Amino acid sequence: MTHILIIDDNYEMLEMLKTILGQRETYQISLSANGKDGLAKALKEHPDLAIVDVMMPEISGYEVVRRLRAESSTANMGIIILTARGQAVDKAAALKAGADHYMSKPVNAQELLDIVDKILAAPQSQKESALYPVFSLRGGIGATTLAVNLALLLQHLNATALVDFSPNSGHCASYLGLHSKQHWGQLIQGNTDSTIGSLTLKHHSGLRLLAAPPIPIPTEQLTEATVELLLTVLQKHLRFVVVDMPPVLNATSILLLEKATRVILVSGSDSPGLQTTLRTLQALQKYQDKLILVLNNVTPGHQLPLSTVQRVLHIPIAAQIPYYAKEIDTKQAGAPAVLSQPKSPIVINLQQVIRTLLRK
């Protein structure tokens, strides 16, 4: 779980911040009522992020931050400074001390959650780019829809690329309303004028897309060397890389699974879908610690209870995506749910997937 330490000598503020952050089930919250104790806890426990009040007895918040930045074990942790004073000079002092962000009181709950999410997702010296393949051995299960929306949610946090590795004319470009004039096929077709940067398409959200060739190509042309080159370049410049994988288990798929930070395994909750997922889990047993299982309901009507599905698959379910009646309309309009229906159940459940991805 992500460990957050709150240091504030105001007990009401401690409880309020704990309540706000407690909305995230993946956050483990520790509290400290003074700077000296908070500093000791941080140095001992090495939290992922600290929220530090400025005005405290014995040691000020600024001094706590300076000492945390001076220690190698805590130098790269996320830090937010809170203060009742909201002048520009106070913000400057907080950033000079080494905080990642400055917030004045009273605290807006949603703003705090958004800032915490961004800091935890931000690249730090010890963090590498994260690779998240979206995979299913059953076609037509909505993996592409989930990959596109997950990539857009991650783009809200930091620079993200979406890669469509379908050799059969993938659909990520059309889902985003983009024309795939550039695609990774040009690289393997010997276009010497093409660089990986020039082949990516930029969506208005800031998301970068490396599209699939519009005309299907033989699968052997997408070699392991090509995949490794593309990933190396993208991960050098971007915090997150989401891959929409084809529904096959071949050498390229194995390479992606090997390199993945976490793997989003997509399953249906009907009998054929569960059977395919069960067999997939057996085939991917080596990667079980990386797997995040997401149930995607692509048809309306009764669905099996989560408890039943978990008994069948013997793996926790990160999220269950409800049937989304407007999915076809959003595809045709090039406006995925994250952009056109940000409060819809599909987006709310995908946000839970994001929190699971970012959890240590």
Protein backbone atom coordinates (compact mmCIF):
# COMPACT_ATOMS: atom_id res chain seq x y z
CA MET A 1 0.00 0.00 0.00
CA THR A 2 1.00 3.63 -0.44
CA HIS A 3 2.15 5.04 2.90
CA ILE A 4 1.29 8.67 3.71
CA LEU A 5 2.49 10.43 6.87
CA ILE A 6 0.61 13.51 8.14
CA ILE A 7 2.47 15.84 10.55
CA ASP A 8 0.38 18.57 12.20
CA ASP A 9 0.03 19.75 15.81
CA ASN A 10 -3.70 20.40 15.31
CA TYR A 11 -5.59 17.19 16.18
CA GLU A 12 -8.72 18.26 14.32
CA MET A 13 -6.64 18.86 11.18
CA LEU A 14 -5.00 15.44 11.56
CA GLU A 15 -8.38 13.72 11.74
CA MET A 16 -9.80 15.73 8.84
CA LEU A 17 -6.85 14.92 6.56
CA LYS A 18 -7.01 11.27 7.61
CA THR A 19 -10.71 11.19 6.68
CA ILE A 20 -10.10 12.79 3.28
CA LEU A 21 -7.20 10.52 2.35
CA GLY A 22 -9.04 7.52 3.77
CA GLN A 23 -11.28 7.69 0.69
CA ARG A 24 -8.42 5.99 -1.12
CA GLU A 25 -8.47 2.37 0.01
CA THR A 26 -4.87 1.92 -1.13
CA TYR A 27 -3.51 4.61 1.22
CA GLN A 28 -2.04 3.66 4.60
CA ILE A 29 -2.19 6.75 6.82
CA SER A 30 0.14 7.53 9.75
CA LEU A 31 -0.28 10.55 12.04
CA SER A 32 2.13 12.64 14.06
CA ALA A 33 1.26 15.62 16.27
CA ASN A 34 4.63 17.43 16.22
CA GLY A 35 7.58 18.02 13.97
CA LYS A 36 10.18 16.15 16.02
CA ASP A 37 8.11 12.98 16.26
CA GLY A 38 7.04 13.25 12.62
CA LEU A 39 10.64 13.56 11.44
CA ALA A 40 11.62 10.48 13.46
CA LYS A 41 8.70 8.50 12.02
CA ALA A 42 9.58 9.50 8.46
CA LEU A 43 13.21 8.51 8.87
CA LYS A 44 12.19 5.17 10.37
CA GLU A 45 9.21 4.25 8.19
CA HIS A 46 10.18 5.87 4.84
CA PRO A 47 6.64 6.84 3.74
CA ASP A 48 5.87 7.51 0.09
CA LEU A 49 4.55 10.99 0.88
CA ALA A 50 4.43 13.38 3.86
CA ILE A 51 1.96 16.22 4.46
CA VAL A 52 3.66 18.69 6.80
CA ASP A 53 2.24 21.70 8.65
CA VAL A 54 4.52 24.75 8.91
CA MET A 55 3.83 26.17 12.38
CA MET A 56 4.70 23.48 14.94
CA PRO A 57 6.56 23.49 18.27
CA GLU A 58 10.17 22.27 18.57
CA ILE A 59 10.75 21.91 14.81
CA SER A 60 9.01 23.90 12.10
CA GLY A 61 7.61 22.25 8.99
CA TYR A 62 10.29 23.91 6.86
CA GLU A 63 13.02 22.34 9.00
CA VAL A 64 11.33 18.94 8.81
CA VAL A 65 11.34 19.15 5.02
CA ARG A 66 14.97 20.27 4.84
CA ARG A 67 16.09 17.36 7.03
CA LEU A 68 14.05 14.83 5.03
CA ARG A 69 15.64 16.06 1.81
CA ALA A 70 19.10 15.80 3.40
CA GLU A 71 18.71 12.07 4.14
CA SER A 72 19.23 9.63 1.27
CA SER A 73 16.44 7.34 2.52
CA THR A 74 13.83 10.12 2.33
CA ALA A 75 15.35 12.50 -0.22
CA ASN A 76 12.98 11.47 -3.02
CA MET A 77 9.73 11.07 -1.10
CA GLY A 78 6.77 13.27 -1.98
CA ILE A 79 6.20 16.24 0.35
CA ILE A 80 3.30 18.69 0.64
CA ILE A 81 3.53 21.68 2.97
CA LEU A 82 0.35 23.04 4.61
CA THR A 83 0.10 26.50 6.09
CA ALA A 84 -2.57 28.92 7.27
CA ARG A 85 -0.73 31.66 5.41
CA GLY A 86 -1.32 31.94 1.70
CA GLN A 87 1.05 34.66 0.53
CA ALA A 88 3.42 34.22 -2.40
CA VAL A 89 6.39 34.49 -0.03
CA ASP A 90 5.08 31.48 1.94
CA LYS A 91 4.77 29.40 -1.20
CA ALA A 92 8.30 30.36 -2.21
CA ALA A 93 9.62 29.39 1.24
CA ALA A 94 7.92 25.99 1.03
CA LEU A 95 9.36 25.20 -2.38
CA LYS A 96 12.80 26.48 -1.34
CA ALA A 97 12.77 24.13 1.64
CA GLY A 98 12.22 21.24 -0.79
CA ALA A 99 8.47 20.58 -0.82
CA ASP A 100 6.87 19.28 -4.00
CA HIS A 101 3.73 21.32 -3.43
CA TYR A 102 2.29 24.01 -1.19
CA MET A 103 -1.33 24.23 0.00
CA SER A 104 -2.96 26.87 2.15
CA LYS A 105 -5.66 26.13 4.73
CA PRO A 106 -8.56 25.48 4.70
CA VAL A 107 -7.92 22.42 2.53
CA ASN A 108 -10.20 21.52 -0.37
CA ALA A 109 -10.70 17.75 -0.21
CA GLN A 110 -10.75 17.05 -3.96
CA GLU A 111 -7.82 19.35 -4.60
CA LEU A 112 -5.79 17.54 -1.96
CA LEU A 113 -6.61 14.11 -3.43
CA ASP A 114 -5.70 15.30 -6.93
CA ILE A 115 -2.38 16.75 -5.76
CA VAL A 116 -1.49 13.61 -3.79
CA ASP A 117 -2.27 11.43 -6.84
CA LYS A 118 -0.07 13.59 -9.08
CA ILE A 119 2.88 13.65 -6.68
CA LEU A 120 2.75 9.88 -6.19
CA ALA A 121 2.65 9.39 -9.95
CA ALA A 122 5.42 11.90 -10.73
CA PRO A 123 8.78 10.60 -11.93
CA GLN A 124 11.45 10.74 -9.25
CA SER A 125 15.08 9.81 -9.43
CA GLN A 126 14.45 6.29 -8.16
CA LYS A 127 11.34 5.77 -10.31
CA GLU A 128 11.42 4.39 -13.82
CA SER A 129 8.78 4.67 -16.49
CA ALA A 130 5.93 2.25 -15.83
CA LEU A 131 4.76 -0.18 -18.52
CA TYR A 132 1.14 -1.36 -18.34
CA PRO A 133 0.05 -3.89 -21.00
CA VAL A 134 -3.71 -4.49 -21.28
CA PHE A 135 -4.25 -8.11 -22.24
CA SER A 136 -6.86 -10.77 -22.86
CA LEU A 137 -6.78 -13.98 -24.88
CA ARG A 138 -10.44 -13.49 -25.70
CA GLY A 139 -11.21 -11.00 -28.44
CA GLY A 140 -14.22 -8.71 -28.27
CA ILE A 141 -13.93 -8.29 -24.50
CA GLY A 142 -13.36 -4.53 -24.63
CA ALA A 143 -9.62 -4.51 -23.89
CA THR A 144 -9.00 -1.68 -26.36
CA THR A 145 -11.70 0.49 -24.80
CA LEU A 146 -10.15 -0.03 -21.37
CA ALA A 147 -6.62 0.62 -22.65
CA VAL A 148 -7.64 3.93 -24.24
CA ASN A 149 -9.49 5.16 -21.16
CA LEU A 150 -6.76 4.03 -18.75
CA ALA A 151 -4.15 5.86 -20.84
CA LEU A 152 -6.23 9.06 -20.74
CA LEU A 153 -6.58 8.81 -16.95
CA LEU A 154 -2.82 8.33 -16.56
CA GLN A 155 -2.20 11.30 -18.86
CA HIS A 156 -4.06 13.42 -16.29
CA LEU A 157 -1.28 12.48 -13.86
CA ASN A 158 1.81 12.58 -16.07
CA ALA A 159 3.14 12.18 -19.61
CA THR A 160 1.70 8.99 -21.11
CA ALA A 161 1.88 7.04 -24.36
CA LEU A 162 -0.60 4.50 -25.67
CA VAL A 163 0.78 1.82 -28.00
CA ASP A 164 -1.50 -0.22 -30.26
CA PHE A 165 0.41 -3.41 -31.03
CA SER A 166 -2.35 -5.01 -33.07
CA PRO A 167 -0.99 -6.36 -36.39
CA ASN A 168 -4.58 -6.47 -37.69
CA SER A 169 -5.38 -2.78 -38.13
CA GLY A 170 -5.93 -1.72 -34.50
CA HIS A 171 -8.63 0.68 -33.33
CA CYS A 172 -6.96 2.95 -30.75
CA ALA A 173 -6.58 5.79 -33.28
CA SER A 174 -10.25 5.78 -34.26
CA TYR A 175 -11.36 5.59 -30.61
CA LEU A 176 -9.38 8.80 -30.00
CA GLY A 177 -10.64 10.49 -33.17
CA LEU A 178 -7.17 10.44 -34.77
CA HIS A 179 -6.10 9.50 -38.29
CA SER A 180 -3.27 6.99 -38.24
CA LYS A 181 -1.13 8.54 -40.97
CA GLN A 182 1.84 7.72 -38.77
CA HIS A 183 2.18 4.25 -37.25
CA TRP A 184 4.82 1.80 -36.07
CA GLY A 185 4.50 -0.12 -39.33
CA GLN A 186 6.50 2.61 -41.06
CA LEU A 187 9.48 1.78 -38.87
CA ILE A 188 9.59 -1.88 -39.85
CA GLN A 189 8.85 -1.09 -43.50
CA GLY A 190 12.29 0.52 -43.75
CA ASN A 191 11.19 4.15 -43.89
CA THR A 192 14.54 5.71 -43.08
CA ASP A 193 12.97 9.15 -42.58
CA SER A 194 10.86 7.84 -39.69
CA THR A 195 11.85 8.18 -36.07
CA ILE A 196 9.79 6.88 -33.19
CA GLY A 197 9.04 10.42 -32.08
CA SER A 198 7.78 11.39 -35.53
CA LEU A 199 5.56 8.31 -35.67
CA THR A 200 3.56 9.15 -32.55
CA LEU A 201 0.28 11.03 -32.84
CA LYS A 202 -0.60 13.68 -30.26
CA HIS A 203 -4.13 13.74 -28.89
CA HIS A 204 -5.56 17.07 -27.64
CA SER A 205 -5.39 15.67 -24.08
CA GLY A 206 -1.59 15.49 -24.41
CA LEU A 207 -1.64 11.68 -24.74
CA ARG A 208 0.81 10.30 -27.31
CA LEU A 209 -0.40 7.43 -29.50
CA LEU A 210 1.78 5.00 -31.40
CA ALA A 211 -0.86 3.61 -33.72
CA ALA A 212 -1.06 0.24 -35.43
CA PRO A 213 -0.67 0.02 -39.22
CA PRO A 214 -4.02 0.64 -40.96
CA ILE A 215 -3.41 -2.36 -43.21
CA PRO A 216 -2.85 -5.74 -41.49
CA ILE A 217 0.71 -7.04 -41.63
CA PRO A 218 2.19 -10.53 -41.08
CA THR A 219 2.73 -11.01 -37.35
CA GLU A 220 6.37 -12.02 -37.82
CA GLN A 221 7.18 -8.50 -39.01
CA LEU A 222 6.62 -7.18 -35.52
CA THR A 223 9.83 -8.59 -34.10
CA GLU A 224 11.01 -8.62 -30.50
CA ALA A 225 13.84 -6.26 -31.48
CA THR A 226 11.35 -3.73 -32.87
CA VAL A 227 9.13 -3.92 -29.80
CA GLU A 228 12.11 -3.50 -27.48
CA LEU A 229 13.36 -0.48 -29.44
CA LEU A 230 9.94 1.21 -29.38
CA LEU A 231 9.50 0.65 -25.65
CA THR A 232 13.01 1.83 -24.83
CA VAL A 233 12.52 5.13 -26.61
CA LEU A 234 9.03 5.78 -25.24
CA GLN A 235 9.96 4.90 -21.66
CA LYS A 236 12.97 7.19 -21.81
CA HIS A 237 10.71 10.23 -22.25
CA LEU A 238 7.34 9.28 -20.73
CA ARG A 239 6.21 8.37 -17.22
CA PHE A 240 3.60 5.82 -18.30
CA VAL A 241 3.30 3.55 -21.33
CA VAL A 242 0.03 1.65 -21.84
CA VAL A 243 0.01 -1.14 -24.43
CA ASP A 244 -3.10 -2.49 -26.13
CA MET A 245 -1.95 -6.06 -26.76
CA PRO A 246 -3.42 -8.39 -29.39
CA PRO A 247 -5.25 -11.49 -28.05
CA VAL A 248 -2.38 -13.89 -28.74
CA LEU A 249 0.39 -15.37 -26.64
CA ASN A 250 3.51 -15.23 -28.80
CA ALA A 251 7.14 -14.12 -28.42
CA THR A 252 6.18 -10.44 -28.55
CA SER A 253 3.52 -10.91 -25.88
CA ILE A 254 5.99 -12.73 -23.63
CA LEU A 255 8.48 -9.88 -24.04
CA LEU A 256 5.84 -7.35 -23.00
CA LEU A 257 4.85 -9.45 -20.00
CA GLU A 258 8.50 -9.74 -18.96
CA LYS A 259 9.04 -5.97 -19.15
CA ALA A 260 5.68 -4.97 -17.65
CA THR A 261 5.41 -3.14 -14.37
CA ARG A 262 1.86 -4.46 -13.93
CA VAL A 263 -0.40 -6.30 -16.40
CA ILE A 264 -4.10 -5.48 -16.68
CA LEU A 265 -5.77 -8.81 -17.47
CA VAL A 266 -9.27 -8.27 -18.86
CA SER A 267 -11.97 -10.90 -18.40
CA GLY A 268 -15.66 -11.27 -19.02
CA SER A 269 -17.88 -12.52 -16.21
CA ASP A 270 -19.82 -14.98 -18.36
CA SER A 271 -18.94 -18.67 -18.48
CA PRO A 272 -16.90 -18.59 -21.73
CA GLY A 273 -15.06 -15.49 -20.53
CA LEU A 274 -14.20 -17.04 -17.17
CA GLN A 275 -13.05 -20.25 -18.83
CA THR A 276 -10.69 -18.32 -21.11
CA THR A 277 -9.38 -16.28 -18.18
CA LEU A 278 -8.82 -19.38 -16.07
CA ARG A 279 -6.72 -20.93 -18.84
CA THR A 280 -4.91 -17.63 -19.33
CA LEU A 281 -4.03 -17.48 -15.64
CA GLN A 282 -2.60 -20.99 -15.89
CA ALA A 283 -0.47 -19.95 -18.88
CA LEU A 284 0.69 -16.76 -17.14
CA GLN A 285 1.41 -18.31 -13.75
CA LYS A 286 4.98 -16.99 -13.93
CA TYR A 287 3.62 -13.43 -14.01
CA GLN A 288 0.88 -13.81 -11.41
CA ASP A 289 2.39 -11.22 -9.07
CA LYS A 290 2.10 -8.62 -11.85
CA LEU A 291 -1.50 -9.35 -12.81
CA ILE A 292 -4.38 -7.00 -12.07
CA LEU A 293 -7.69 -8.63 -12.98
CA VAL A 294 -10.46 -6.42 -14.35
CA LEU A 295 -13.92 -7.75 -15.18
CA ASN A 296 -15.46 -5.96 -18.13
CA ASN A 297 -19.17 -6.45 -18.77
CA VAL A 298 -19.70 -5.88 -22.49
CA THR A 299 -23.34 -7.02 -22.54
CA PRO A 300 -26.34 -5.89 -20.45
CA GLY A 301 -28.20 -8.16 -18.06
CA HIS A 302 -27.46 -10.31 -15.05
CA GLN A 303 -23.81 -10.80 -14.10
CA LEU A 304 -22.31 -13.37 -11.76
CA PRO A 305 -21.54 -12.06 -8.26
CA LEU A 306 -17.93 -11.05 -7.68
CA SER A 307 -17.62 -13.61 -4.89
CA THR A 308 -18.50 -16.39 -7.34
CA VAL A 309 -16.05 -15.14 -9.93
CA GLN A 310 -13.24 -14.93 -7.37
CA ARG A 311 -13.91 -18.50 -6.24
CA VAL A 312 -13.59 -19.66 -9.84
CA LEU A 313 -10.45 -17.68 -10.71
CA HIS A 314 -8.68 -17.68 -7.31
CA ILE A 315 -7.38 -14.16 -7.86
CA PRO A 316 -8.52 -10.79 -6.44
CA ILE A 317 -10.57 -8.57 -8.74
CA ALA A 318 -9.32 -4.99 -8.93
CA ALA A 319 -12.51 -3.63 -10.49
CA GLN A 320 -15.69 -4.64 -12.26
CA ILE A 321 -16.54 -2.37 -15.18
CA PRO A 322 -20.31 -2.15 -15.67
CA TYR A 323 -21.97 -2.41 -19.06
CA TYR A 324 -21.72 0.97 -20.74
CA ALA A 325 -24.63 1.56 -23.10
CA LYS A 326 -23.04 4.63 -24.71
CA GLU A 327 -19.77 2.90 -25.59
CA ILE A 328 -20.58 2.55 -29.29
CA ASP A 329 -21.55 6.23 -29.51
CA THR A 330 -18.33 7.36 -27.83
CA LYS A 331 -16.26 5.18 -30.18
CA GLN A 332 -17.93 6.63 -33.25
CA ALA A 333 -17.51 10.17 -31.93
CA GLY A 334 -13.85 9.65 -31.04
CA ALA A 335 -14.65 10.74 -27.48
CA PRO A 336 -13.84 8.01 -24.90
CA ALA A 337 -15.76 7.94 -21.64
CA VAL A 338 -12.97 9.64 -19.67
CA LEU A 339 -13.47 12.72 -21.86
CA SER A 340 -17.19 12.60 -22.67
CA GLN A 341 -18.63 11.03 -19.49
CA PRO A 342 -16.03 11.63 -16.72
CA LYS A 343 -18.56 10.88 -13.93
CA SER A 344 -19.83 7.66 -15.49
CA PRO A 345 -19.53 4.31 -13.65
CA ILE A 346 -16.96 3.07 -16.16
CA VAL A 347 -14.62 5.98 -15.35
CA ILE A 348 -15.16 5.73 -11.59
CA ASN A 349 -14.23 2.04 -11.67
CA LEU A 350 -11.22 2.67 -13.92
CA GLN A 351 -9.97 5.23 -11.41
CA GLN A 352 -9.87 2.38 -8.90
CA VAL A 353 -7.72 0.44 -11.38
CA ILE A 354 -5.36 3.42 -11.60
CA ARG A 355 -5.02 3.53 -7.83
CA THR A 356 -4.21 -0.19 -7.84
CA LEU A 357 -1.59 0.33 -10.55
CA LEU A 358 0.14 3.07 -8.58
CA ARG A 359 0.09 1.13 -5.34
CA LYS A 360 3.44 -0.37 -4.35
